[in-house]
Amino acid sequence: MDIEQKNRINALLAFYGELLAKKQQAYLRYYYEDDFSIIEIAEEEQVSRQAVSDNLKKGCEVLEHYEAVLSLYEDSLKREALEEEILSYVMQQYQGDEHLKELIDQMVNQEIN
């Protein structure tokens, strides 16, 4: 497993993890967040390695399906890139405007509920 794939699954888990079946969610968190091996997960959950492997595969497929339909992760990446571009522009063009920097910082760091 490469680091990009691991980071993507972790990001998708953050967006869609609660929509998964509890077992899938647990197995994916063990594997991708906690770096457990399939054998360690099987021992922890007292199931076969095949059951863990199947749940990991299916869980990843479900996460990718949610992303394909909803695009929350992709949209967040686009927003993050735009925020960086705005901050860079402000730093270049409005270096002395502390109020503007504060307003942008508030906007960028605001959580969407």
PDB file of N, CA and C in Angstrom:
ATOM      1  N   MET A   1       0.848  -1.180   0.000  1.00  0.00           N
ATOM      2  CA  MET A   1       0.000   0.000   0.000  1.00  0.00           C
ATOM      3  C   MET A   1       0.890   1.239   0.000  1.00  0.00           C
ATOM      4  N   ASP A   2       0.618   2.165  -0.908  1.00  0.00           N
ATOM      5  CA  ASP A   2       1.422   3.378  -0.932  1.00  0.00           C
ATOM      6  C   ASP A   2       0.815   4.452  -0.035  1.00  0.00           C
ATOM      7  N   ILE A   3       1.623   5.427   0.286  1.00  0.00           N
ATOM      8  CA  ILE A   3       1.225   6.476   1.241  1.00  0.00           C
ATOM      9  C   ILE A   3       0.076   7.327   0.694  1.00  0.00           C
ATOM     10  N   GLU A   4       0.048   7.550  -0.617  1.00  0.00           N
ATOM     11  CA  GLU A   4      -1.043   8.341  -1.204  1.00  0.00           C
ATOM     12  C   GLU A   4      -2.388   7.639  -1.035  1.00  0.00           C
ATOM     13  N   GLN A   5      -2.392   6.335  -1.270  1.00  0.00           N
ATOM     14  CA  GLN A   5      -3.626   5.557  -1.097  1.00  0.00           C
ATOM     15  C   GLN A   5      -4.059   5.573   0.367  1.00  0.00           C
ATOM     16  N   LYS A   6      -3.096   5.405   1.261  1.00  0.00           N
ATOM     17  CA  LYS A   6      -3.411   5.422   2.691  1.00  0.00           C
ATOM     18  C   LYS A   6      -3.984   6.781   3.089  1.00  0.00           C
ATOM     19  N   ASN A   7      -3.382   7.859   2.632  1.00  0.00           N
ATOM     20  CA  ASN A   7      -3.872   9.201   2.957  1.00  0.00           C
ATOM     21  C   ASN A   7      -5.269   9.430   2.389  1.00  0.00           C
ATOM     22  N   ARG A   8      -5.504   8.930   1.177  1.00  0.00           N
ATOM     23  CA  ARG A   8      -6.829   9.096   0.566  1.00  0.00           C
ATOM     24  C   ARG A   8      -7.895   8.361   1.372  1.00  0.00           C
ATOM     25  N   ILE A   9      -7.623   7.114   1.725  1.00  0.00           N
ATOM     26  CA  ILE A   9      -8.602   6.340   2.499  1.00  0.00           C
ATOM     27  C   ILE A   9      -8.836   7.000   3.859  1.00  0.00           C
ATOM     28  N   ASN A  10      -7.780   7.488   4.506  1.00  0.00           N
ATOM     29  CA  ASN A  10      -7.958   8.187   5.785  1.00  0.00           C
ATOM     30  C   ASN A  10      -8.832   9.429   5.618  1.00  0.00           C
ATOM     31  N   ALA A  11      -8.619  10.164   4.528  1.00  0.00           N
ATOM     32  CA  ALA A  11      -9.442  11.356   4.279  1.00  0.00           C
ATOM     33  C   ALA A  11     -10.892  10.959   4.016  1.00  0.00           C
ATOM     34  N   LEU A  12     -11.091   9.926   3.204  1.00  0.00           N
ATOM     35  CA  LEU A  12     -12.455   9.469   2.927  1.00  0.00           C
ATOM     36  C   LEU A  12     -13.133   8.965   4.193  1.00  0.00           C
ATOM     37  N   LEU A  13     -12.361   8.318   5.065  1.00  0.00           N
ATOM     38  CA  LEU A  13     -12.909   7.877   6.358  1.00  0.00           C
ATOM     39  C   LEU A  13     -13.392   9.066   7.177  1.00  0.00           C
ATOM     40  N   ALA A  14     -12.643  10.145   7.139  1.00  0.00           N
ATOM     41  CA  ALA A  14     -13.041  11.340   7.883  1.00  0.00           C
ATOM     42  C   ALA A  14     -14.369  11.897   7.367  1.00  0.00           C
ATOM     43  N   PHE A  15     -14.570  11.847   6.067  1.00  0.00           N
ATOM     44  CA  PHE A  15     -15.798  12.370   5.487  1.00  0.00           C
ATOM     45  C   PHE A  15     -16.970  11.396   5.588  1.00  0.00           C
ATOM     46  N   TYR A  16     -16.715  10.115   5.315  1.00  0.00           N
ATOM     47  CA  TYR A  16     -17.812   9.164   5.141  1.00  0.00           C
ATOM     48  C   TYR A  16     -17.789   7.985   6.114  1.00  0.00           C
ATOM     49  N   GLY A  17     -16.828   7.931   7.013  1.00  0.00           N
ATOM     50  CA  GLY A  17     -16.667   6.780   7.888  1.00  0.00           C
ATOM     51  C   GLY A  17     -17.911   6.403   8.662  1.00  0.00           C
ATOM     52  N   GLU A  18     -18.638   7.386   9.127  1.00  0.00           N
ATOM     53  CA  GLU A  18     -19.839   7.106   9.925  1.00  0.00           C
ATOM     54  C   GLU A  18     -20.948   6.463   9.103  1.00  0.00           C
ATOM     55  N   LEU A  19     -20.840   6.492   7.787  1.00  0.00           N
ATOM     56  CA  LEU A  19     -21.856   5.892   6.928  1.00  0.00           C
ATOM     57  C   LEU A  19     -21.609   4.401   6.690  1.00  0.00           C
ATOM     58  N   LEU A  20     -20.440   3.921   7.068  1.00  0.00           N
ATOM     59  CA  LEU A  20     -20.097   2.513   6.882  1.00  0.00           C
ATOM     60  C   LEU A  20     -20.718   1.648   7.973  1.00  0.00           C
ATOM     61  N   ALA A  21     -20.801   0.363   7.673  1.00  0.00           N
ATOM     62  CA  ALA A  21     -21.177  -0.602   8.706  1.00  0.00           C
ATOM     63  C   ALA A  21     -20.116  -0.533   9.802  1.00  0.00           C
ATOM     64  N   LYS A  22     -20.508  -0.767  11.027  1.00  0.00           N
ATOM     65  CA  LYS A  22     -19.599  -0.629  12.175  1.00  0.00           C
ATOM     66  C   LYS A  22     -18.347  -1.489  12.023  1.00  0.00           C
ATOM     67  N   LYS A  23     -18.498  -2.723  11.544  1.00  0.00           N
ATOM     68  CA  LYS A  23     -17.334  -3.609  11.369  1.00  0.00           C
ATOM     69  C   LYS A  23     -16.397  -3.070  10.295  1.00  0.00           C
ATOM     70  N   GLN A  24     -16.959  -2.641   9.172  1.00  0.00           N
ATOM     71  CA  GLN A  24     -16.123  -2.070   8.115  1.00  0.00           C
ATOM     72  C   GLN A  24     -15.373  -0.855   8.639  1.00  0.00           C
ATOM     73  N   GLN A  25     -16.088  -0.010   9.334  1.00  0.00           N
ATOM     74  CA  GLN A  25     -15.480   1.188   9.904  1.00  0.00           C
ATOM     75  C   GLN A  25     -14.331   0.812  10.842  1.00  0.00           C
ATOM     76  N   ALA A  26     -14.563  -0.145  11.718  1.00  0.00           N
ATOM     77  CA  ALA A  26     -13.542  -0.560  12.673  1.00  0.00           C
ATOM     78  C   ALA A  26     -12.338  -1.155  11.959  1.00  0.00           C
ATOM     79  N   TYR A  27     -12.562  -2.025  10.995  1.00  0.00           N
ATOM     80  CA  TYR A  27     -11.451  -2.662  10.281  1.00  0.00           C
ATOM     81  C   TYR A  27     -10.627  -1.624   9.513  1.00  0.00           C
ATOM     82  N   LEU A  28     -11.318  -0.703   8.859  1.00  0.00           N
ATOM     83  CA  LEU A  28     -10.596   0.334   8.113  1.00  0.00           C
ATOM     84  C   LEU A  28      -9.777   1.234   9.046  1.00  0.00           C
ATOM     85  N   ARG A  29     -10.344   1.564  10.184  1.00  0.00           N
ATOM     86  CA  ARG A  29      -9.601   2.398  11.138  1.00  0.00           C
ATOM     87  C   ARG A  29      -8.384   1.643  11.693  1.00  0.00           C
ATOM     88  N   TYR A  30      -8.579   0.374  12.021  1.00  0.00           N
ATOM     89  CA  TYR A  30      -7.438  -0.441  12.472  1.00  0.00           C
ATOM     90  C   TYR A  30      -6.328  -0.424  11.412  1.00  0.00           C
ATOM     91  N   TYR A  31      -6.730  -0.706  10.184  1.00  0.00           N
ATOM     92  CA  TYR A  31      -5.763  -0.909   9.120  1.00  0.00           C
ATOM     93  C   TYR A  31      -5.112   0.392   8.652  1.00  0.00           C
ATOM     94  N   TYR A  32      -5.921   1.413   8.393  1.00  0.00           N
ATOM     95  CA  TYR A  32      -5.396   2.649   7.804  1.00  0.00           C
ATOM     96  C   TYR A  32      -4.953   3.682   8.841  1.00  0.00           C
ATOM     97  N   GLU A  33      -5.631   3.775   9.951  1.00  0.00           N
ATOM     98  CA  GLU A  33      -5.266   4.772  10.958  1.00  0.00           C
ATOM     99  C   GLU A  33      -4.265   4.228  11.970  1.00  0.00           C
ATOM    100  N   ASP A  34      -4.479   2.975  12.396  1.00  0.00           N
ATOM    101  CA  ASP A  34      -3.649   2.410  13.468  1.00  0.00           C
ATOM    102  C   ASP A  34      -2.530   1.500  12.968  1.00  0.00           C
ATOM    103  N   ASP A  35      -2.463   1.282  11.646  1.00  0.00           N
ATOM    104  CA  ASP A  35      -1.423   0.454  11.023  1.00  0.00           C
ATOM    105  C   ASP A  35      -1.396  -0.990  11.514  1.00  0.00           C
ATOM    106  N   PHE A  36      -2.559  -1.537  11.851  1.00  0.00           N
ATOM    107  CA  PHE A  36      -2.640  -2.956  12.190  1.00  0.00           C
ATOM    108  C   PHE A  36      -2.493  -3.767  10.902  1.00  0.00           C
ATOM    109  N   SER A  37      -1.944  -4.949  11.016  1.00  0.00           N
ATOM    110  CA  SER A  37      -1.925  -5.871   9.880  1.00  0.00           C
ATOM    111  C   SER A  37      -3.266  -6.600   9.837  1.00  0.00           C
ATOM    112  N   ILE A  38      -3.526  -7.269   8.728  1.00  0.00           N
ATOM    113  CA  ILE A  38      -4.757  -8.056   8.614  1.00  0.00           C
ATOM    114  C   ILE A  38      -4.788  -9.137   9.685  1.00  0.00           C
ATOM    115  N   ILE A  39      -3.654  -9.745   9.943  1.00  0.00           N
ATOM    116  CA  ILE A  39      -3.570 -10.782  10.982  1.00  0.00           C
ATOM    117  C   ILE A  39      -3.892 -10.198  12.355  1.00  0.00           C
ATOM    118  N   GLU A  40      -3.357  -9.026  12.659  1.00  0.00           N
ATOM    119  CA  GLU A  40      -3.615  -8.400  13.965  1.00  0.00           C
ATOM    120  C   GLU A  40      -5.090  -8.044  14.130  1.00  0.00           C
ATOM    121  N   ILE A  41      -5.697  -7.563  13.048  1.00  0.00           N
ATOM    122  CA  ILE A  41      -7.130  -7.231  13.112  1.00  0.00           C
ATOM    123  C   ILE A  41      -7.947  -8.503  13.327  1.00  0.00           C
ATOM    124  N   ALA A  42      -7.604  -9.553  12.598  1.00  0.00           N
ATOM    125  CA  ALA A  42      -8.318 -10.834  12.735  1.00  0.00           C
ATOM    126  C   ALA A  42      -8.233 -11.347  14.167  1.00  0.00           C
ATOM    127  N   GLU A  43      -7.054 -11.260  14.761  1.00  0.00           N
ATOM    128  CA  GLU A  43      -6.887 -11.701  16.144  1.00  0.00           C
ATOM    129  C   GLU A  43      -7.679 -10.823  17.103  1.00  0.00           C
ATOM    130  N   GLU A  44      -7.626  -9.519  16.893  1.00  0.00           N
ATOM    131  CA  GLU A  44      -8.337  -8.567  17.768  1.00  0.00           C
ATOM    132  C   GLU A  44      -9.846  -8.788  17.716  1.00  0.00           C
ATOM    133  N   GLU A  45     -10.350  -9.018  16.518  1.00  0.00           N
ATOM    134  CA  GLU A  45     -11.802  -9.166  16.322  1.00  0.00           C
ATOM    135  C   GLU A  45     -12.273 -10.620  16.369  1.00  0.00           C
ATOM    136  N   GLN A  46     -11.339 -11.534  16.474  1.00  0.00           N
ATOM    137  CA  GLN A  46     -11.633 -12.967  16.515  1.00  0.00           C
ATOM    138  C   GLN A  46     -12.440 -13.417  15.300  1.00  0.00           C
ATOM    139  N   VAL A  47     -11.923 -13.047  14.140  1.00  0.00           N
ATOM    140  CA  VAL A  47     -12.511 -13.448  12.866  1.00  0.00           C
ATOM    141  C   VAL A  47     -11.382 -13.943  11.963  1.00  0.00           C
ATOM    142  N   SER A  48     -11.750 -14.480  10.812  1.00  0.00           N
ATOM    143  CA  SER A  48     -10.734 -14.967   9.880  1.00  0.00           C
ATOM    144  C   SER A  48     -10.048 -13.802   9.167  1.00  0.00           C
ATOM    145  N   ARG A  49      -8.865 -14.073   8.665  1.00  0.00           N
ATOM    146  CA  ARG A  49      -8.147 -13.070   7.881  1.00  0.00           C
ATOM    147  C   ARG A  49      -8.928 -12.735   6.616  1.00  0.00           C
ATOM    148  N   GLN A  50      -9.605 -13.735   6.062  1.00  0.00           N
ATOM    149  CA  GLN A  50     -10.410 -13.513   4.861  1.00  0.00           C
ATOM    150  C   GLN A  50     -11.556 -12.533   5.147  1.00  0.00           C
ATOM    151  N   ALA A  51     -12.180 -12.670   6.317  1.00  0.00           N
ATOM    152  CA  ALA A  51     -13.268 -11.756   6.693  1.00  0.00           C
ATOM    153  C   ALA A  51     -12.745 -10.324   6.788  1.00  0.00           C
ATOM    154  N   VAL A  52     -11.564 -10.174   7.380  1.00  0.00           N
ATOM    155  CA  VAL A  52     -10.962  -8.835   7.488  1.00  0.00           C
ATOM    156  C   VAL A  52     -10.652  -8.299   6.103  1.00  0.00           C
ATOM    157  N   SER A  53     -10.006  -9.101   5.287  1.00  0.00           N
ATOM    158  CA  SER A  53      -9.637  -8.682   3.934  1.00  0.00           C
ATOM    159  C   SER A  53     -10.867  -8.287   3.120  1.00  0.00           C
ATOM    160  N   ASP A  54     -11.913  -9.098   3.194  1.00  0.00           N
ATOM    161  CA  ASP A  54     -13.150  -8.794   2.462  1.00  0.00           C
ATOM    162  C   ASP A  54     -13.770  -7.488   2.932  1.00  0.00           C
ATOM    163  N   ASN A  55     -13.788  -7.280   4.254  1.00  0.00           N
ATOM    164  CA  ASN A  55     -14.361  -6.048   4.801  1.00  0.00           C
ATOM    165  C   ASN A  55     -13.530  -4.823   4.436  1.00  0.00           C
ATOM    166  N   LEU A  56     -12.217  -4.963   4.400  1.00  0.00           N
ATOM    167  CA  LEU A  56     -11.357  -3.855   3.999  1.00  0.00           C
ATOM    168  C   LEU A  56     -11.626  -3.482   2.541  1.00  0.00           C
ATOM    169  N   LYS A  57     -11.682  -4.487   1.688  1.00  0.00           N
ATOM    170  CA  LYS A  57     -11.925  -4.241   0.265  1.00  0.00           C
ATOM    171  C   LYS A  57     -13.291  -3.595   0.054  1.00  0.00           C
ATOM    172  N   LYS A  58     -14.307  -4.177   0.654  1.00  0.00           N
ATOM    173  CA  LYS A  58     -15.668  -3.652   0.496  1.00  0.00           C
ATOM    174  C   LYS A  58     -15.787  -2.245   1.090  1.00  0.00           C
ATOM    175  N   GLY A  59     -15.169  -2.035   2.244  1.00  0.00           N
ATOM    176  CA  GLY A  59     -15.211  -0.709   2.867  1.00  0.00           C
ATOM    177  C   GLY A  59     -14.578   0.349   1.988  1.00  0.00           C
ATOM    178  N   CYS A  60     -13.440   0.030   1.384  1.00  0.00           N
ATOM    179  CA  CYS A  60     -12.782   0.981   0.471  1.00  0.00           C
ATOM    180  C   CYS A  60     -13.656   1.257  -0.749  1.00  0.00           C
ATOM    181  N   GLU A  61     -14.289   0.216  -1.269  1.00  0.00           N
ATOM    182  CA  GLU A  61     -15.188   0.394  -2.407  1.00  0.00           C
ATOM    183  C   GLU A  61     -16.356   1.312  -2.053  1.00  0.00           C
ATOM    184  N   VAL A  62     -16.911   1.118  -0.871  1.00  0.00           N
ATOM    185  CA  VAL A  62     -18.042   1.943  -0.437  1.00  0.00           C
ATOM    186  C   VAL A  62     -17.593   3.398  -0.262  1.00  0.00           C
ATOM    187  N   LEU A  63     -16.440   3.609   0.348  1.00  0.00           N
ATOM    188  CA  LEU A  63     -15.919   4.974   0.510  1.00  0.00           C
ATOM    189  C   LEU A  63     -15.720   5.644  -0.849  1.00  0.00           C
ATOM    190  N   GLU A  64     -15.137   4.912  -1.783  1.00  0.00           N
ATOM    191  CA  GLU A  64     -14.915   5.471  -3.123  1.00  0.00           C
ATOM    192  C   GLU A  64     -16.246   5.756  -3.824  1.00  0.00           C
ATOM    193  N   HIS A  65     -17.244   4.911  -3.589  1.00  0.00           N
ATOM    194  CA  HIS A  65     -18.563   5.156  -4.171  1.00  0.00           C
ATOM    195  C   HIS A  65     -19.170   6.449  -3.609  1.00  0.00           C
ATOM    196  N   TYR A  66     -19.111   6.618  -2.292  1.00  0.00           N
ATOM    197  CA  TYR A  66     -19.636   7.847  -1.688  1.00  0.00           C
ATOM    198  C   TYR A  66     -18.922   9.066  -2.266  1.00  0.00           C
ATOM    199  N   GLU A  67     -17.614   8.969  -2.421  1.00  0.00           N
ATOM    200  CA  GLU A  67     -16.864  10.103  -2.966  1.00  0.00           C
ATOM    201  C   GLU A  67     -17.248  10.373  -4.416  1.00  0.00           C
ATOM    202  N   ALA A  68     -17.447   9.317  -5.195  1.00  0.00           N
ATOM    203  CA  ALA A  68     -17.845   9.486  -6.590  1.00  0.00           C
ATOM    204  C   ALA A  68     -19.198  10.194  -6.700  1.00  0.00           C
ATOM    205  N   VAL A  69     -20.083   9.909  -5.759  1.00  0.00           N
ATOM    206  CA  VAL A  69     -21.425  10.510  -5.788  1.00  0.00           C
ATOM    207  C   VAL A  69     -21.438  11.906  -5.167  1.00  0.00           C
ATOM    208  N   LEU A  70     -20.756  12.073  -4.038  1.00  0.00           N
ATOM    209  CA  LEU A  70     -20.871  13.313  -3.266  1.00  0.00           C
ATOM    210  C   LEU A  70     -19.716  14.294  -3.451  1.00  0.00           C
ATOM    211  N   SER A  71     -18.542  13.812  -3.761  1.00  0.00           N
ATOM    212  CA  SER A  71     -17.343  14.631  -4.026  1.00  0.00           C
ATOM    213  C   SER A  71     -16.938  15.555  -2.877  1.00  0.00           C
ATOM    214  N   LEU A  72     -17.220  15.186  -1.646  1.00  0.00           N
ATOM    215  CA  LEU A  72     -16.864  16.053  -0.515  1.00  0.00           C
ATOM    216  C   LEU A  72     -15.352  16.205  -0.367  1.00  0.00           C
ATOM    217  N   TYR A  73     -14.618  15.125  -0.536  1.00  0.00           N
ATOM    218  CA  TYR A  73     -13.162  15.178  -0.405  1.00  0.00           C
ATOM    219  C   TYR A  73     -12.553  16.024  -1.527  1.00  0.00           C
ATOM    220  N   GLU A  74     -12.963  15.761  -2.764  1.00  0.00           N
ATOM    221  CA  GLU A  74     -12.443  16.526  -3.901  1.00  0.00           C
ATOM    222  C   GLU A  74     -12.769  18.007  -3.753  1.00  0.00           C
ATOM    223  N   ASP A  75     -13.979  18.309  -3.322  1.00  0.00           N
ATOM    224  CA  ASP A  75     -14.366  19.700  -3.103  1.00  0.00           C
ATOM    225  C   ASP A  75     -13.519  20.351  -2.005  1.00  0.00           C
ATOM    226  N   SER A  76     -13.197  19.595  -0.971  1.00  0.00           N
ATOM    227  CA  SER A  76     -12.373  20.149   0.103  1.00  0.00           C
ATOM    228  C   SER A  76     -10.957  20.442  -0.386  1.00  0.00           C
ATOM    229  N   LEU A  77     -10.431  19.583  -1.284  1.00  0.00           N
ATOM    230  CA  LEU A  77      -9.107  19.836  -1.857  1.00  0.00           C
ATOM    231  C   LEU A  77      -9.113  21.100  -2.716  1.00  0.00           C
ATOM    232  N   LYS A  78     -10.163  21.277  -3.493  1.00  0.00           N
ATOM    233  CA  LYS A  78     -10.288  22.480  -4.322  1.00  0.00           C
ATOM    234  C   LYS A  78     -10.396  23.729  -3.455  1.00  0.00           C
ATOM    235  N   ARG A  79     -11.176  23.641  -2.384  1.00  0.00           N
ATOM    236  CA  ARG A  79     -11.326  24.784  -1.479  1.00  0.00           C
ATOM    237  C   ARG A  79      -9.994  25.110  -0.815  1.00  0.00           C
ATOM    238  N   GLU A  80      -9.273  24.089  -0.402  1.00  0.00           N
ATOM    239  CA  GLU A  80      -7.976  24.286   0.243  1.00  0.00           C
ATOM    240  C   GLU A  80      -6.999  24.970  -0.715  1.00  0.00           C
ATOM    241  N   ALA A  81      -6.989  24.556  -1.972  1.00  0.00           N
ATOM    242  CA  ALA A  81      -6.106  25.176  -2.973  1.00  0.00           C
ATOM    243  C   ALA A  81      -6.489  26.631  -3.199  1.00  0.00           C
ATOM    244  N   LEU A  82      -7.783  26.909  -3.263  1.00  0.00           N
ATOM    245  CA  LEU A  82      -8.246  28.281  -3.441  1.00  0.00           C
ATOM    246  C   LEU A  82      -7.888  29.143  -2.236  1.00  0.00           C
ATOM    247  N   GLU A  83      -8.033  28.599  -1.038  1.00  0.00           N
ATOM    248  CA  GLU A  83      -7.665  29.325   0.171  1.00  0.00           C
ATOM    249  C   GLU A  83      -6.181  29.689   0.162  1.00  0.00           C
ATOM    250  N   GLU A  84      -5.341  28.741  -0.245  1.00  0.00           N
ATOM    251  CA  GLU A  84      -3.907  29.000  -0.318  1.00  0.00           C
ATOM    252  C   GLU A  84      -3.595  30.082  -1.337  1.00  0.00           C
ATOM    253  N   GLU A  85      -4.288  30.047  -2.478  1.00  0.00           N
ATOM    254  CA  GLU A  85      -4.094  31.063  -3.511  1.00  0.00           C
ATOM    255  C   GLU A  85      -4.502  32.447  -3.004  1.00  0.00           C
ATOM    256  N   ILE A  86      -5.629  32.522  -2.315  1.00  0.00           N
ATOM    257  CA  ILE A  86      -6.094  33.798  -1.757  1.00  0.00           C
ATOM    258  C   ILE A  86      -5.105  34.322  -0.728  1.00  0.00           C
ATOM    259  N   LEU A  87      -4.656  33.456   0.172  1.00  0.00           N
ATOM    260  CA  LEU A  87      -3.702  33.887   1.192  1.00  0.00           C
ATOM    261  C   LEU A  87      -2.396  34.369   0.572  1.00  0.00           C
ATOM    262  N   SER A  88      -1.933  33.684  -0.439  1.00  0.00           N
ATOM    263  CA  SER A  88      -0.709  34.094  -1.122  1.00  0.00           C
ATOM    264  C   SER A  88      -0.890  35.459  -1.781  1.00  0.00           C
ATOM    265  N   TYR A  89      -2.009  35.659  -2.442  1.00  0.00           N
ATOM    266  CA  TYR A  89      -2.296  36.936  -3.092  1.00  0.00           C
ATOM    267  C   TYR A  89      -2.361  38.072  -2.071  1.00  0.00           C
ATOM    268  N   VAL A  90      -3.044  37.835  -0.985  1.00  0.00           N
ATOM    269  CA  VAL A  90      -3.169  38.859   0.059  1.00  0.00           C
ATOM    270  C   VAL A  90      -1.799  39.202   0.638  1.00  0.00           C
ATOM    271  N   MET A  91      -0.981  38.193   0.871  1.00  0.00           N
ATOM    272  CA  MET A  91       0.349  38.428   1.427  1.00  0.00           C
ATOM    273  C   MET A  91       1.209  39.249   0.460  1.00  0.00           C
ATOM    274  N   GLN A  92       1.023  39.049  -0.840  1.00  0.00           N
ATOM    275  CA  GLN A  92       1.799  39.790  -1.836  1.00  0.00           C
ATOM    276  C   GLN A  92       1.261  41.200  -2.054  1.00  0.00           C
ATOM    277  N   GLN A  93      -0.050  41.339  -2.110  1.00  0.00           N
ATOM    278  CA  GLN A  93      -0.653  42.607  -2.511  1.00  0.00           C
ATOM    279  C   GLN A  93      -1.084  43.508  -1.343  1.00  0.00           C
ATOM    280  N   TYR A  94      -1.347  42.906  -0.205  1.00  0.00           N
ATOM    281  CA  TYR A  94      -1.895  43.656   0.929  1.00  0.00           C
ATOM    282  C   TYR A  94      -1.136  43.336   2.218  1.00  0.00           C
ATOM    283  N   GLN A  95       0.178  43.375   2.154  1.00  0.00           N
ATOM    284  CA  GLN A  95       1.014  42.981   3.282  1.00  0.00           C
ATOM    285  C   GLN A  95       0.688  43.723   4.567  1.00  0.00           C
ATOM    286  N   GLY A  96       0.350  44.983   4.485  1.00  0.00           N
ATOM    287  CA  GLY A  96       0.129  45.780   5.684  1.00  0.00           C
ATOM    288  C   GLY A  96      -1.300  45.764   6.208  1.00  0.00           C
ATOM    289  N   ASP A  97      -2.214  45.140   5.510  1.00  0.00           N
ATOM    290  CA  ASP A  97      -3.618  45.160   5.902  1.00  0.00           C
ATOM    291  C   ASP A  97      -3.909  44.017   6.877  1.00  0.00           C
ATOM    292  N   GLU A  98      -3.688  44.276   8.153  1.00  0.00           N
ATOM    293  CA  GLU A  98      -3.877  43.260   9.190  1.00  0.00           C
ATOM    294  C   GLU A  98      -5.341  42.857   9.345  1.00  0.00           C
ATOM    295  N   HIS A  99      -6.243  43.815   9.158  1.00  0.00           N
ATOM    296  CA  HIS A  99      -7.672  43.510   9.272  1.00  0.00           C
ATOM    297  C   HIS A  99      -8.092  42.513   8.186  1.00  0.00           C
ATOM    298  N   LEU A 100      -7.629  42.732   6.965  1.00  0.00           N
ATOM    299  CA  LEU A 100      -7.952  41.820   5.873  1.00  0.00           C
ATOM    300  C   LEU A 100      -7.389  40.424   6.154  1.00  0.00           C
ATOM    301  N   LYS A 101      -6.162  40.354   6.637  1.00  0.00           N
ATOM    302  CA  LYS A 101      -5.554  39.064   6.974  1.00  0.00           C
ATOM    303  C   LYS A 101      -6.356  38.350   8.058  1.00  0.00           C
ATOM    304  N   GLU A 102      -6.824  39.115   9.036  1.00  0.00           N
ATOM    305  CA  GLU A 102      -7.621  38.525  10.121  1.00  0.00           C
ATOM    306  C   GLU A 102      -8.955  38.000   9.603  1.00  0.00           C
ATOM    307  N   LEU A 103      -9.607  38.744   8.730  1.00  0.00           N
ATOM    308  CA  LEU A 103     -10.875  38.301   8.152  1.00  0.00           C
ATOM    309  C   LEU A 103     -10.701  37.026   7.325  1.00  0.00           C
ATOM    310  N   ILE A 104      -9.652  36.981   6.536  1.00  0.00           N
ATOM    311  CA  ILE A 104      -9.393  35.795   5.721  1.00  0.00           C
ATOM    312  C   ILE A 104      -9.064  34.607   6.612  1.00  0.00           C
ATOM    313  N   ASP A 105      -8.282  34.825   7.661  1.00  0.00           N
ATOM    314  CA  ASP A 105      -7.953  33.755   8.585  1.00  0.00           C
ATOM    315  C   ASP A 105      -9.221  33.190   9.224  1.00  0.00           C
ATOM    316  N   GLN A 106     -10.142  34.061   9.621  1.00  0.00           N
ATOM    317  CA  GLN A 106     -11.409  33.612  10.196  1.00  0.00           C
ATOM    318  C   GLN A 106     -12.206  32.785   9.199  1.00  0.00           C
ATOM    319  N   MET A 107     -12.234  33.243   7.945  1.00  0.00           N
ATOM    320  CA  MET A 107     -12.977  32.532   6.913  1.00  0.00           C
ATOM    321  C   MET A 107     -12.365  31.154   6.640  1.00  0.00           C
ATOM    322  N   VAL A 108     -11.056  31.097   6.532  1.00  0.00           N
ATOM    323  CA  VAL A 108     -10.360  29.855   6.212  1.00  0.00           C
ATOM    324  C   VAL A 108     -10.508  28.850   7.342  1.00  0.00           C
ATOM    325  N   ASN A 109     -10.469  29.306   8.574  1.00  0.00           N
ATOM    326  CA  ASN A 109     -10.499  28.405   9.719  1.00  0.00           C
ATOM    327  C   ASN A 109     -11.894  28.126  10.256  1.00  0.00           C
ATOM    328  N   GLN A 110     -12.913  28.656   9.590  1.00  0.00           N
ATOM    329  CA  GLN A 110     -14.292  28.421  10.012  1.00  0.00           C
ATOM    330  C   GLN A 110     -14.701  27.008   9.646  1.00  0.00           C
ATOM    331  N   GLU A 111     -15.250  26.298  10.610  1.00  0.00           N
ATOM    332  CA  GLU A 111     -15.768  24.951  10.378  1.00  0.00           C
ATOM    333  C   GLU A 111     -17.171  25.050   9.814  1.00  0.00           C
ATOM    334  N   ILE A 112     -17.468  24.201   8.849  1.00  0.00           N
ATOM    335  CA  ILE A 112     -18.816  24.132   8.300  1.00  0.00           C
ATOM    336  C   ILE A 112     -19.586  23.101   9.094  1.00  0.00           C
ATOM    337  N   ASN A 113     -20.715  23.491   9.634  1.00  0.00           N
ATOM    338  CA  ASN A 113     -21.540  22.573  10.430  1.00  0.00           C
ATOM    339  C   ASN A 113     -22.735  22.094   9.648  1.00  0.00           C
TER     340      ASN A 113
END
